[in-house]
Amino acid sequence: MRAKLSWDEKVKRIATWRESGLSQAAYCHEADVDRVSFSRWVLRYDVELAGKRQGTAKTKIAVAPVQIVDDAPVSVTTQTLTPISSPPSYFILRGPQNWSLSLPSDTSPIWLGQLLQVLA
């Protein structure tokens, strides 16, 4: 069983991963970190960082149920935020009923697929 890491230790691992240039999967394999957990850390970190930039830091993420309809178009756009230090790149999923989901561009496609399956 792996030891539980503090938030500061998780942030250090995120910084090490970003500096390494490796994919999340490769870094997690080398560092012996659970890939799904690591993806959650990165998402939480990016959300908190974006909140701090906007002056609205949040520590919790609220998730609302979403129904995906087969004939409903979903558009995907890419957006880069104004850099303060190292700019995270994002992509945005937009639904026909005016919902949107902004995720870091390095979000695991496997995790995203699982999320969309759960929300379907």
PDB file of N, CA and C in Angstrom:
ATOM      1  N   MET A   1       0.838  -1.176   0.000  1.00  0.00           N
ATOM      2  CA  MET A   1       0.000   0.000   0.000  1.00  0.00           C
ATOM      3  C   MET A   1       0.891   1.250   0.000  1.00  0.00           C
ATOM      4  N   ARG A   2       0.574   2.190  -0.868  1.00  0.00           N
ATOM      5  CA  ARG A   2       1.357   3.414  -0.980  1.00  0.00           C
ATOM      6  C   ARG A   2       1.016   4.366   0.158  1.00  0.00           C
ATOM      7  N   ALA A   3       2.007   5.143   0.557  1.00  0.00           N
ATOM      8  CA  ALA A   3       1.794   6.133   1.616  1.00  0.00           C
ATOM      9  C   ALA A   3       0.962   7.289   1.069  1.00  0.00           C
ATOM     10  N   LYS A   4       0.104   7.836   1.908  1.00  0.00           N
ATOM     11  CA  LYS A   4      -0.705   8.985   1.520  1.00  0.00           C
ATOM     12  C   LYS A   4       0.183  10.224   1.493  1.00  0.00           C
ATOM     13  N   LEU A   5       0.120  10.972   0.401  1.00  0.00           N
ATOM     14  CA  LEU A   5       0.958  12.155   0.234  1.00  0.00           C
ATOM     15  C   LEU A   5       0.201  13.411   0.641  1.00  0.00           C
ATOM     16  N   SER A   6       0.925  14.378   1.191  1.00  0.00           N
ATOM     17  CA  SER A   6       0.323  15.673   1.501  1.00  0.00           C
ATOM     18  C   SER A   6       0.107  16.427   0.188  1.00  0.00           C
ATOM     19  N   TRP A   7      -0.715  17.480   0.237  1.00  0.00           N
ATOM     20  CA  TRP A   7      -0.969  18.276  -0.968  1.00  0.00           C
ATOM     21  C   TRP A   7       0.332  18.898  -1.473  1.00  0.00           C
ATOM     22  N   ASP A   8       1.202  19.361  -0.565  1.00  0.00           N
ATOM     23  CA  ASP A   8       2.480  19.946  -0.979  1.00  0.00           C
ATOM     24  C   ASP A   8       3.344  18.926  -1.716  1.00  0.00           C
ATOM     25  N   GLU A   9       3.339  17.688  -1.255  1.00  0.00           N
ATOM     26  CA  GLU A   9       4.105  16.632  -1.931  1.00  0.00           C
ATOM     27  C   GLU A   9       3.521  16.344  -3.310  1.00  0.00           C
ATOM     28  N   LYS A  10       2.196  16.380  -3.425  1.00  0.00           N
ATOM     29  CA  LYS A  10       1.550  16.163  -4.725  1.00  0.00           C
ATOM     30  C   LYS A  10       1.922  17.286  -5.691  1.00  0.00           C
ATOM     31  N   VAL A  11       1.911  18.532  -5.189  1.00  0.00           N
ATOM     32  CA  VAL A  11       2.269  19.682  -6.039  1.00  0.00           C
ATOM     33  C   VAL A  11       3.715  19.561  -6.509  1.00  0.00           C
ATOM     34  N   LYS A  12       4.613  19.108  -5.639  1.00  0.00           N
ATOM     35  CA  LYS A  12       6.014  18.910  -6.034  1.00  0.00           C
ATOM     36  C   LYS A  12       6.113  17.867  -7.141  1.00  0.00           C
ATOM     37  N   ARG A  13       5.319  16.805  -7.027  1.00  0.00           N
ATOM     38  CA  ARG A  13       5.349  15.762  -8.073  1.00  0.00           C
ATOM     39  C   ARG A  13       4.797  16.304  -9.384  1.00  0.00           C
ATOM     40  N   ILE A  14       3.763  17.136  -9.313  1.00  0.00           N
ATOM     41  CA  ILE A  14       3.211  17.746 -10.527  1.00  0.00           C
ATOM     42  C   ILE A  14       4.277  18.608 -11.193  1.00  0.00           C
ATOM     43  N   ALA A  15       4.993  19.419 -10.401  1.00  0.00           N
ATOM     44  CA  ALA A  15       6.052  20.276 -10.946  1.00  0.00           C
ATOM     45  C   ALA A  15       7.165  19.432 -11.573  1.00  0.00           C
ATOM     46  N   THR A  16       7.546  18.352 -10.895  1.00  0.00           N
ATOM     47  CA  THR A  16       8.584  17.460 -11.427  1.00  0.00           C
ATOM     48  C   THR A  16       8.138  16.858 -12.752  1.00  0.00           C
ATOM     49  N   TRP A  17       6.864  16.425 -12.813  1.00  0.00           N
ATOM     50  CA  TRP A  17       6.330  15.849 -14.061  1.00  0.00           C
ATOM     51  C   TRP A  17       6.355  16.880 -15.177  1.00  0.00           C
ATOM     52  N   ARG A  18       5.889  18.100 -14.900  1.00  0.00           N
ATOM     53  CA  ARG A  18       5.830  19.126 -15.942  1.00  0.00           C
ATOM     54  C   ARG A  18       7.227  19.474 -16.451  1.00  0.00           C
ATOM     55  N   GLU A  19       8.206  19.499 -15.549  1.00  0.00           N
ATOM     56  CA  GLU A  19       9.580  19.803 -15.954  1.00  0.00           C
ATOM     57  C   GLU A  19      10.216  18.651 -16.729  1.00  0.00           C
ATOM     58  N   SER A  20       9.713  17.433 -16.515  1.00  0.00           N
ATOM     59  CA  SER A  20      10.321  16.255 -17.144  1.00  0.00           C
ATOM     60  C   SER A  20      10.033  16.159 -18.633  1.00  0.00           C
ATOM     61  N   GLY A  21       8.916  16.719 -19.073  1.00  0.00           N
ATOM     62  CA  GLY A  21       8.540  16.600 -20.478  1.00  0.00           C
ATOM     63  C   GLY A  21       7.911  15.259 -20.825  1.00  0.00           C
ATOM     64  N   LEU A  22       7.744  14.398 -19.829  1.00  0.00           N
ATOM     65  CA  LEU A  22       7.134  13.086 -20.055  1.00  0.00           C
ATOM     66  C   LEU A  22       5.617  13.200 -20.103  1.00  0.00           C
ATOM     67  N   SER A  23       4.982  12.215 -20.706  1.00  0.00           N
ATOM     68  CA  SER A  23       3.525  12.139 -20.627  1.00  0.00           C
ATOM     69  C   SER A  23       3.164  11.778 -19.192  1.00  0.00           C
ATOM     70  N   GLN A  24       1.919  12.007 -18.822  1.00  0.00           N
ATOM     71  CA  GLN A  24       1.488  11.633 -17.473  1.00  0.00           C
ATOM     72  C   GLN A  24       1.696  10.137 -17.251  1.00  0.00           C
ATOM     73  N   ALA A  25       1.333   9.335 -18.235  1.00  0.00           N
ATOM     74  CA  ALA A  25       1.453   7.884 -18.090  1.00  0.00           C
ATOM     75  C   ALA A  25       2.905   7.467 -17.877  1.00  0.00           C
ATOM     76  N   ALA A  26       3.820   8.039 -18.665  1.00  0.00           N
ATOM     77  CA  ALA A  26       5.240   7.685 -18.530  1.00  0.00           C
ATOM     78  C   ALA A  26       5.787   8.128 -17.175  1.00  0.00           C
ATOM     79  N   TYR A  27       5.417   9.346 -16.759  1.00  0.00           N
ATOM     80  CA  TYR A  27       5.891   9.828 -15.463  1.00  0.00           C
ATOM     81  C   TYR A  27       5.356   8.944 -14.335  1.00  0.00           C
ATOM     82  N   CYS A  28       4.090   8.630 -14.378  1.00  0.00           N
ATOM     83  CA  CYS A  28       3.483   7.808 -13.323  1.00  0.00           C
ATOM     84  C   CYS A  28       4.135   6.438 -13.255  1.00  0.00           C
ATOM     85  N   HIS A  29       4.457   5.875 -14.405  1.00  0.00           N
ATOM     86  CA  HIS A  29       5.122   4.576 -14.429  1.00  0.00           C
ATOM     87  C   HIS A  29       6.505   4.670 -13.775  1.00  0.00           C
ATOM     88  N   GLU A  30       7.265   5.707 -14.157  1.00  0.00           N
ATOM     89  CA  GLU A  30       8.617   5.871 -13.609  1.00  0.00           C
ATOM     90  C   GLU A  30       8.608   6.203 -12.116  1.00  0.00           C
ATOM     91  N   ALA A  31       7.614   7.015 -11.683  1.00  0.00           N
ATOM     92  CA  ALA A  31       7.581   7.472 -10.293  1.00  0.00           C
ATOM     93  C   ALA A  31       6.746   6.549  -9.400  1.00  0.00           C
ATOM     94  N   ASP A  32       6.186   5.490  -9.988  1.00  0.00           N
ATOM     95  CA  ASP A  32       5.339   4.555  -9.255  1.00  0.00           C
ATOM     96  C   ASP A  32       4.165   5.278  -8.576  1.00  0.00           C
ATOM     97  N   VAL A  33       3.466   6.080  -9.404  1.00  0.00           N
ATOM     98  CA  VAL A  33       2.298   6.834  -8.941  1.00  0.00           C
ATOM     99  C   VAL A  33       1.081   6.325  -9.717  1.00  0.00           C
ATOM    100  N   ASP A  34      -0.039   6.158  -9.026  1.00  0.00           N
ATOM    101  CA  ASP A  34      -1.266   5.736  -9.690  1.00  0.00           C
ATOM    102  C   ASP A  34      -1.671   6.807 -10.705  1.00  0.00           C
ATOM    103  N   ARG A  35      -1.849   6.408 -11.955  1.00  0.00           N
ATOM    104  CA  ARG A  35      -2.105   7.352 -13.040  1.00  0.00           C
ATOM    105  C   ARG A  35      -3.429   8.096 -12.870  1.00  0.00           C
ATOM    106  N   VAL A  36      -4.473   7.406 -12.452  1.00  0.00           N
ATOM    107  CA  VAL A  36      -5.776   8.049 -12.279  1.00  0.00           C
ATOM    108  C   VAL A  36      -5.709   9.072 -11.141  1.00  0.00           C
ATOM    109  N   SER A  37      -5.085   8.692 -10.036  1.00  0.00           N
ATOM    110  CA  SER A  37      -4.932   9.625  -8.912  1.00  0.00           C
ATOM    111  C   SER A  37      -4.123  10.841  -9.344  1.00  0.00           C
ATOM    112  N   PHE A  38      -3.047  10.610 -10.078  1.00  0.00           N
ATOM    113  CA  PHE A  38      -2.198  11.712 -10.520  1.00  0.00           C
ATOM    114  C   PHE A  38      -2.974  12.669 -11.417  1.00  0.00           C
ATOM    115  N   SER A  39      -3.798  12.126 -12.317  1.00  0.00           N
ATOM    116  CA  SER A  39      -4.618  12.975 -13.189  1.00  0.00           C
ATOM    117  C   SER A  39      -5.557  13.844 -12.368  1.00  0.00           C
ATOM    118  N   ARG A  40      -6.110  13.277 -11.297  1.00  0.00           N
ATOM    119  CA  ARG A  40      -6.982  14.065 -10.417  1.00  0.00           C
ATOM    120  C   ARG A  40      -6.194  15.172  -9.721  1.00  0.00           C
ATOM    121  N   TRP A  41      -4.971  14.877  -9.279  1.00  0.00           N
ATOM    122  CA  TRP A  41      -4.143  15.906  -8.634  1.00  0.00           C
ATOM    123  C   TRP A  41      -3.898  17.056  -9.593  1.00  0.00           C
ATOM    124  N   VAL A  42      -3.538  16.715 -10.840  1.00  0.00           N
ATOM    125  CA  VAL A  42      -3.229  17.734 -11.838  1.00  0.00           C
ATOM    126  C   VAL A  42      -4.469  18.581 -12.122  1.00  0.00           C
ATOM    127  N   LEU A  43      -5.622  17.934 -12.271  1.00  0.00           N
ATOM    128  CA  LEU A  43      -6.854  18.673 -12.533  1.00  0.00           C
ATOM    129  C   LEU A  43      -7.165  19.611 -11.370  1.00  0.00           C
ATOM    130  N   ARG A  44      -7.076  19.117 -10.139  1.00  0.00           N
ATOM    131  CA  ARG A  44      -7.334  19.949  -8.960  1.00  0.00           C
ATOM    132  C   ARG A  44      -6.354  21.115  -8.902  1.00  0.00           C
ATOM    133  N   TYR A  45      -5.084  20.827  -9.153  1.00  0.00           N
ATOM    134  CA  TYR A  45      -4.054  21.871  -9.122  1.00  0.00           C
ATOM    135  C   TYR A  45      -4.348  22.946 -10.172  1.00  0.00           C
ATOM    136  N   ASP A  46      -4.675  22.539 -11.391  1.00  0.00           N
ATOM    137  CA  ASP A  46      -4.942  23.495 -12.460  1.00  0.00           C
ATOM    138  C   ASP A  46      -6.192  24.329 -12.164  1.00  0.00           C
ATOM    139  N   VAL A  47      -7.219  23.704 -11.594  1.00  0.00           N
ATOM    140  CA  VAL A  47      -8.440  24.438 -11.236  1.00  0.00           C
ATOM    141  C   VAL A  47      -8.132  25.463 -10.151  1.00  0.00           C
ATOM    142  N   GLU A  48      -7.363  25.052  -9.134  1.00  0.00           N
ATOM    143  CA  GLU A  48      -7.005  25.988  -8.061  1.00  0.00           C
ATOM    144  C   GLU A  48      -6.128  27.121  -8.594  1.00  0.00           C
ATOM    145  N   LEU A  49      -5.197  26.789  -9.481  1.00  0.00           N
ATOM    146  CA  LEU A  49      -4.314  27.805 -10.052  1.00  0.00           C
ATOM    147  C   LEU A  49      -5.123  28.808 -10.867  1.00  0.00           C
ATOM    148  N   ALA A  50      -6.056  28.324 -11.665  1.00  0.00           N
ATOM    149  CA  ALA A  50      -6.912  29.213 -12.461  1.00  0.00           C
ATOM    150  C   ALA A  50      -7.756  30.093 -11.546  1.00  0.00           C
ATOM    151  N   GLY A  51      -8.253  29.528 -10.444  1.00  0.00           N
ATOM    152  CA  GLY A  51      -9.036  30.307  -9.484  1.00  0.00           C
ATOM    153  C   GLY A  51      -8.209  31.389  -8.835  1.00  0.00           C
ATOM    154  N   LYS A  52      -6.960  31.088  -8.506  1.00  0.00           N
ATOM    155  CA  LYS A  52      -6.080  32.089  -7.900  1.00  0.00           C
ATOM    156  C   LYS A  52      -5.790  33.216  -8.879  1.00  0.00           C
ATOM    157  N   ARG A  53      -5.648  32.879 -10.145  1.00  0.00           N
ATOM    158  CA  ARG A  53      -5.387  33.902 -11.163  1.00  0.00           C
ATOM    159  C   ARG A  53      -6.578  34.845 -11.304  1.00  0.00           C
ATOM    160  N   GLN A  54      -7.772  34.298 -11.121  1.00  0.00           N
ATOM    161  CA  GLN A  54      -8.987  35.100 -11.254  1.00  0.00           C
ATOM    162  C   GLN A  54      -9.407  35.689  -9.911  1.00  0.00           C
ATOM    163  N   GLY A  55      -8.677  35.379  -8.845  1.00  0.00           N
ATOM    164  CA  GLY A  55      -9.020  35.882  -7.532  1.00  0.00           C
ATOM    165  C   GLY A  55     -10.177  35.146  -6.892  1.00  0.00           C
ATOM    166  N   THR A  56     -10.485  33.957  -7.413  1.00  0.00           N
ATOM    167  CA  THR A  56     -11.600  33.164  -6.878  1.00  0.00           C
ATOM    168  C   THR A  56     -11.147  31.753  -6.618  1.00  0.00           C
ATOM    169  N   ALA A  57     -10.087  31.574  -5.839  1.00  0.00           N
ATOM    170  CA  ALA A  57      -9.546  30.247  -5.573  1.00  0.00           C
ATOM    171  C   ALA A  57     -10.608  29.363  -4.940  1.00  0.00           C
ATOM    172  N   LYS A  58     -10.737  28.170  -5.469  1.00  0.00           N
ATOM    173  CA  LYS A  58     -11.702  27.204  -4.957  1.00  0.00           C
ATOM    174  C   LYS A  58     -10.965  25.930  -4.603  1.00  0.00           C
ATOM    175  N   THR A  59     -11.396  25.288  -3.549  1.00  0.00           N
ATOM    176  CA  THR A  59     -10.749  24.047  -3.161  1.00  0.00           C
ATOM    177  C   THR A  59     -11.610  22.841  -3.480  1.00  0.00           C
ATOM    178  N   LYS A  60     -12.876  23.069  -3.846  1.00  0.00           N
ATOM    179  CA  LYS A  60     -13.744  21.947  -4.167  1.00  0.00           C
ATOM    180  C   LYS A  60     -14.267  22.113  -5.586  1.00  0.00           C
ATOM    181  N   ILE A  61     -14.482  21.006  -6.253  1.00  0.00           N
ATOM    182  CA  ILE A  61     -15.010  21.013  -7.604  1.00  0.00           C
ATOM    183  C   ILE A  61     -16.412  20.420  -7.546  1.00  0.00           C
ATOM    184  N   ALA A  62     -17.377  21.145  -8.052  1.00  0.00           N
ATOM    185  CA  ALA A  62     -18.747  20.643  -8.076  1.00  0.00           C
ATOM    186  C   ALA A  62     -19.012  20.023  -9.442  1.00  0.00           C
ATOM    187  N   VAL A  63     -19.656  18.880  -9.450  1.00  0.00           N
ATOM    188  CA  VAL A  63     -19.961  18.195 -10.694  1.00  0.00           C
ATOM    189  C   VAL A  63     -21.478  18.045 -10.792  1.00  0.00           C
ATOM    190  N   ALA A  64     -22.020  18.461 -11.903  1.00  0.00           N
ATOM    191  CA  ALA A  64     -23.459  18.345 -12.123  1.00  0.00           C
ATOM    192  C   ALA A  64     -23.713  17.219 -13.116  1.00  0.00           C
ATOM    193  N   PRO A  65     -24.826  16.506 -12.959  1.00  0.00           N
ATOM    194  CA  PRO A  65     -25.130  15.432 -13.912  1.00  0.00           C
ATOM    195  C   PRO A  65     -25.358  16.002 -15.311  1.00  0.00           C
ATOM    196  N   VAL A  66     -24.861  15.301 -16.301  1.00  0.00           N
ATOM    197  CA  VAL A  66     -24.985  15.714 -17.692  1.00  0.00           C
ATOM    198  C   VAL A  66     -25.512  14.535 -18.489  1.00  0.00           C
ATOM    199  N   GLN A  67     -26.458  14.801 -19.354  1.00  0.00           N
ATOM    200  CA  GLN A  67     -26.983  13.744 -20.220  1.00  0.00           C
ATOM    201  C   GLN A  67     -26.489  14.019 -21.632  1.00  0.00           C
ATOM    202  N   ILE A  68     -25.854  13.018 -22.225  1.00  0.00           N
ATOM    203  CA  ILE A  68     -25.362  13.149 -23.592  1.00  0.00           C
ATOM    204  C   ILE A  68     -26.351  12.463 -24.523  1.00  0.00           C
ATOM    205  N   VAL A  69     -26.863  13.228 -25.479  1.00  0.00           N
ATOM    206  CA  VAL A  69     -27.848  12.727 -26.428  1.00  0.00           C
ATOM    207  C   VAL A  69     -27.124  12.471 -27.742  1.00  0.00           C
ATOM    208  N   ASP A  70     -27.444  11.329 -28.380  1.00  0.00           N
ATOM    209  CA  ASP A  70     -26.734  10.934 -29.604  1.00  0.00           C
ATOM    210  C   ASP A  70     -26.764  11.995 -30.690  1.00  0.00           C
ATOM    211  N   ASP A  71     -27.878  12.660 -30.889  1.00  0.00           N
ATOM    212  CA  ASP A  71     -27.964  13.611 -31.995  1.00  0.00           C
ATOM    213  C   ASP A  71     -27.581  15.038 -31.595  1.00  0.00           C
ATOM    214  N   ALA A  72     -27.137  15.220 -30.359  1.00  0.00           N
ATOM    215  CA  ALA A  72     -26.734  16.553 -29.907  1.00  0.00           C
ATOM    216  C   ALA A  72     -25.270  16.793 -30.265  1.00  0.00           C
ATOM    217  N   PRO A  73     -24.966  17.849 -31.018  1.00  0.00           N
ATOM    218  CA  PRO A  73     -23.568  18.125 -31.380  1.00  0.00           C
ATOM    219  C   PRO A  73     -22.784  18.652 -30.186  1.00  0.00           C
ATOM    220  N   VAL A  74     -21.557  18.232 -30.089  1.00  0.00           N
ATOM    221  CA  VAL A  74     -20.646  18.722 -29.057  1.00  0.00           C
ATOM    222  C   VAL A  74     -19.434  19.286 -29.782  1.00  0.00           C
ATOM    223  N   SER A  75     -19.109  20.550 -29.488  1.00  0.00           N
ATOM    224  CA  SER A  75     -17.952  21.158 -30.137  1.00  0.00           C
ATOM    225  C   SER A  75     -16.770  21.170 -29.179  1.00  0.00           C
ATOM    226  N   VAL A  76     -15.576  21.065 -29.733  1.00  0.00           N
ATOM    227  CA  VAL A  76     -14.346  21.088 -28.947  1.00  0.00           C
ATOM    228  C   VAL A  76     -13.482  22.229 -29.468  1.00  0.00           C
ATOM    229  N   THR A  77     -13.034  23.111 -28.548  1.00  0.00           N
ATOM    230  CA  THR A  77     -12.144  24.192 -28.936  1.00  0.00           C
ATOM    231  C   THR A  77     -10.911  24.145 -28.051  1.00  0.00           C
ATOM    232  N   THR A  78      -9.845  24.739 -28.507  1.00  0.00           N
ATOM    233  CA  THR A  78      -8.605  24.804 -27.729  1.00  0.00           C
ATOM    234  C   THR A  78      -8.349  26.255 -27.359  1.00  0.00           C
ATOM    235  N   GLN A  79      -7.898  26.458 -26.117  1.00  0.00           N
ATOM    236  CA  GLN A  79      -7.649  27.808 -25.625  1.00  0.00           C
ATOM    237  C   GLN A  79      -6.410  27.786 -24.745  1.00  0.00           C
ATOM    238  N   THR A  80      -5.561  28.778 -24.891  1.00  0.00           N
ATOM    239  CA  THR A  80      -4.400  28.909 -24.014  1.00  0.00           C
ATOM    240  C   THR A  80      -4.609  30.129 -23.132  1.00  0.00           C
ATOM    241  N   LEU A  81      -4.473  29.941 -21.815  1.00  0.00           N
ATOM    242  CA  LEU A  81      -4.642  31.049 -20.878  1.00  0.00           C
ATOM    243  C   LEU A  81      -3.425  31.950 -20.916  1.00  0.00           C
ATOM    244  N   THR A  82      -3.613  33.205 -20.531  1.00  0.00           N
ATOM    245  CA  THR A  82      -2.508  34.153 -20.460  1.00  0.00           C
ATOM    246  C   THR A  82      -1.490  33.656 -19.442  1.00  0.00           C
ATOM    247  N   PRO A  83      -0.235  33.521 -19.832  1.00  0.00           N
ATOM    248  CA  PRO A  83       0.756  32.937 -18.924  1.00  0.00           C
ATOM    249  C   PRO A  83       1.152  33.867 -17.781  1.00  0.00           C
ATOM    250  N   ILE A  84       1.327  33.258 -16.616  1.00  0.00           N
ATOM    251  CA  ILE A  84       1.936  33.956 -15.489  1.00  0.00           C
ATOM    252  C   ILE A  84       3.333  33.372 -15.317  1.00  0.00           C
ATOM    253  N   SER A  85       3.425  32.047 -15.271  1.00  0.00           N
ATOM    254  CA  SER A  85       4.745  31.421 -15.235  1.00  0.00           C
ATOM    255  C   SER A  85       4.832  30.465 -16.413  1.00  0.00           C
ATOM    256  N   SER A  86       4.309  29.261 -16.261  1.00  0.00           N
ATOM    257  CA  SER A  86       4.267  28.339 -17.387  1.00  0.00           C
ATOM    258  C   SER A  86       2.795  28.134 -17.741  1.00  0.00           C
ATOM    259  N   PRO A  87       2.427  28.426 -18.981  1.00  0.00           N
ATOM    260  CA  PRO A  87       1.016  28.432 -19.349  1.00  0.00           C
ATOM    261  C   PRO A  87       0.433  27.028 -19.527  1.00  0.00           C
ATOM    262  N   PRO A  88      -0.584  26.677 -18.736  1.00  0.00           N
ATOM    263  CA  PRO A  88      -1.268  25.425 -19.026  1.00  0.00           C
ATOM    264  C   PRO A  88      -2.185  25.635 -20.228  1.00  0.00           C
ATOM    265  N   SER A  89      -2.263  24.676 -21.070  1.00  0.00           N
ATOM    266  CA  SER A  89      -3.118  24.747 -22.239  1.00  0.00           C
ATOM    267  C   SER A  89      -4.387  23.959 -21.947  1.00  0.00           C
ATOM    268  N   TYR A  90      -5.524  24.454 -22.397  1.00  0.00           N
ATOM    269  CA  TYR A  90      -6.808  23.847 -22.099  1.00  0.00           C
ATOM    270  C   TYR A  90      -7.579  23.522 -23.369  1.00  0.00           C
ATOM    271  N   PHE A  91      -8.499  22.573 -23.252  1.00  0.00           N
ATOM    272  CA  PHE A  91      -9.489  22.404 -24.289  1.00  0.00           C
ATOM    273  C   PHE A  91     -10.847  22.463 -23.620  1.00  0.00           C
ATOM    274  N   ILE A  92     -11.849  22.890 -24.386  1.00  0.00           N
ATOM    275  CA  ILE A  92     -13.176  23.101 -23.836  1.00  0.00           C
ATOM    276  C   ILE A  92     -14.175  22.260 -24.621  1.00  0.00           C
ATOM    277  N   LEU A  93     -14.947  21.461 -23.889  1.00  0.00           N
ATOM    278  CA  LEU A  93     -16.061  20.732 -24.485  1.00  0.00           C
ATOM    279  C   LEU A  93     -17.309  21.593 -24.283  1.00  0.00           C
ATOM    280  N   ARG A  94     -18.054  21.843 -25.353  1.00  0.00           N
ATOM    281  CA  ARG A  94     -19.271  22.650 -25.240  1.00  0.00           C
ATOM    282  C   ARG A  94     -20.460  21.827 -25.729  1.00  0.00           C
ATOM    283  N   GLY A  95     -21.516  21.846 -24.940  1.00  0.00           N
ATOM    284  CA  GLY A  95     -22.719  21.113 -25.286  1.00  0.00           C
ATOM    285  C   GLY A  95     -23.785  22.025 -25.848  1.00  0.00           C
ATOM    286  N   PRO A  96     -24.804  21.439 -26.447  1.00  0.00           N
ATOM    287  CA  PRO A  96     -25.847  22.226 -27.108  1.00  0.00           C
ATOM    288  C   PRO A  96     -26.741  22.981 -26.118  1.00  0.00           C
ATOM    289  N   GLN A  97     -26.739  22.599 -24.852  1.00  0.00           N
ATOM    290  CA  GLN A  97     -27.609  23.251 -23.876  1.00  0.00           C
ATOM    291  C   GLN A  97     -26.818  24.237 -23.018  1.00  0.00           C
ATOM    292  N   ASN A  98     -25.810  24.852 -23.617  1.00  0.00           N
ATOM    293  CA  ASN A  98     -25.027  25.922 -23.014  1.00  0.00           C
ATOM    294  C   ASN A  98     -24.147  25.475 -21.847  1.00  0.00           C
ATOM    295  N   TRP A  99     -23.713  24.225 -21.808  1.00  0.00           N
ATOM    296  CA  TRP A  99     -22.764  23.787 -20.783  1.00  0.00           C
ATOM    297  C   TRP A  99     -21.387  23.708 -21.423  1.00  0.00           C
ATOM    298  N   SER A 100     -20.374  23.857 -20.605  1.00  0.00           N
ATOM    299  CA  SER A 100     -19.014  23.706 -21.096  1.00  0.00           C
ATOM    300  C   SER A 100     -18.159  23.095 -20.000  1.00  0.00           C
ATOM    301  N   LEU A 101     -17.126  22.403 -20.418  1.00  0.00           N
ATOM    302  CA  LEU A 101     -16.193  21.753 -19.510  1.00  0.00           C
ATOM    303  C   LEU A 101     -14.791  22.066 -20.004  1.00  0.00           C
ATOM    304  N   SER A 102     -14.010  22.760 -19.184  1.00  0.00           N
ATOM    305  CA  SER A 102     -12.651  23.147 -19.542  1.00  0.00           C
ATOM    306  C   SER A 102     -11.677  22.206 -18.842  1.00  0.00           C
ATOM    307  N   LEU A 103     -10.809  21.562 -19.619  1.00  0.00           N
ATOM    308  CA  LEU A 103      -9.850  20.603 -19.082  1.00  0.00           C
ATOM    309  C   LEU A 103      -8.457  20.900 -19.626  1.00  0.00           C
ATOM    310  N   PRO A 104      -7.425  20.591 -18.847  1.00  0.00           N
ATOM    311  CA  PRO A 104      -6.054  20.774 -19.353  1.00  0.00           C
ATOM    312  C   PRO A 104      -5.836  19.907 -20.599  1.00  0.00           C
ATOM    313  N   SER A 105      -5.043  20.410 -21.531  1.00  0.00           N
ATOM    314  CA  SER A 105      -4.825  19.676 -22.774  1.00  0.00           C
ATOM    315  C   SER A 105      -4.098  18.359 -22.559  1.00  0.00           C
ATOM    316  N   ASP A 106      -3.424  18.208 -21.415  1.00  0.00           N
ATOM    317  CA  ASP A 106      -2.742  16.943 -21.158  1.00  0.00           C
ATOM    318  C   ASP A 106      -3.617  15.973 -20.360  1.00  0.00           C
ATOM    319  N   THR A 107      -4.922  16.236 -20.319  1.00  0.00           N
ATOM    320  CA  THR A 107      -5.845  15.321 -19.650  1.00  0.00           C
ATOM    321  C   THR A 107      -5.766  13.963 -20.341  1.00  0.00           C
ATOM    322  N   SER A 108      -5.728  12.939 -19.553  1.00  0.00           N
ATOM    323  CA  SER A 108      -5.639  11.593 -20.096  1.00  0.00           C
ATOM    324  C   SER A 108      -6.859  11.286 -20.956  1.00  0.00           C
ATOM    325  N   PRO A 109      -6.656  10.854 -22.200  1.00  0.00           N
ATOM    326  CA  PRO A 109      -7.800  10.499 -23.041  1.00  0.00           C
ATOM    327  C   PRO A 109      -8.588   9.322 -22.459  1.00  0.00           C
ATOM    328  N   ILE A 110      -7.901   8.452 -21.743  1.00  0.00           N
ATOM    329  CA  ILE A 110      -8.577   7.322 -21.111  1.00  0.00           C
ATOM    330  C   ILE A 110      -9.511   7.838 -20.025  1.00  0.00           C
ATOM    331  N   TRP A 111      -9.000   8.759 -19.188  1.00  0.00           N
ATOM    332  CA  TRP A 111      -9.817   9.341 -18.124  1.00  0.00           C
ATOM    333  C   TRP A 111     -10.992  10.097 -18.705  1.00  0.00           C
ATOM    334  N   LEU A 112     -10.761  10.876 -19.770  1.00  0.00           N
ATOM    335  CA  LEU A 112     -11.828  11.643 -20.398  1.00  0.00           C
ATOM    336  C   LEU A 112     -12.893  10.703 -20.961  1.00  0.00           C
ATOM    337  N   GLY A 113     -12.459   9.625 -21.589  1.00  0.00           N
ATOM    338  CA  GLY A 113     -13.412   8.639 -22.114  1.00  0.00           C
ATOM    339  C   GLY A 113     -14.249   8.031 -20.999  1.00  0.00           C
ATOM    340  N   GLN A 114     -13.598   7.709 -19.890  1.00  0.00           N
ATOM    341  CA  GLN A 114     -14.324   7.147 -18.736  1.00  0.00           C
ATOM    342  C   GLN A 114     -15.318   8.161 -18.195  1.00  0.00           C
ATOM    343  N   LEU A 115     -14.927   9.432 -18.115  1.00  0.00           N
ATOM    344  CA  LEU A 115     -15.815  10.477 -17.630  1.00  0.00           C
ATOM    345  C   LEU A 115     -17.046  10.577 -18.528  1.00  0.00           C
ATOM    346  N   LEU A 116     -16.821  10.618 -19.826  1.00  0.00           N
ATOM    347  CA  LEU A 116     -17.940  10.738 -20.762  1.00  0.00           C
ATOM    348  C   LEU A 116     -18.860   9.519 -20.699  1.00  0.00           C
ATOM    349  N   GLN A 117     -18.294   8.337 -20.475  1.00  0.00           N
ATOM    350  CA  GLN A 117     -19.129   7.133 -20.326  1.00  0.00           C
ATOM    351  C   GLN A 117     -19.978   7.220 -19.077  1.00  0.00           C
ATOM    352  N   VAL A 118     -19.392   7.714 -17.988  1.00  0.00           N
ATOM    353  CA  VAL A 118     -20.148   7.836 -16.734  1.00  0.00           C
ATOM    354  C   VAL A 118     -21.262   8.858 -16.885  1.00  0.00           C
ATOM    355  N   LEU A 119     -20.997   9.937 -17.602  1.00  0.00           N
ATOM    356  CA  LEU A 119     -21.982  10.985 -17.758  1.00  0.00           C
ATOM    357  C   LEU A 119     -23.065  10.643 -18.792  1.00  0.00           C
ATOM    358  N   ALA A 120     -22.804   9.651 -19.620  1.00  0.00           N
ATOM    359  CA  ALA A 120     -23.766   9.286 -20.676  1.00  0.00           C
ATOM    360  C   ALA A 120     -25.015   8.648 -20.123  1.00  0.00           C
TER     361      ALA A 120
END
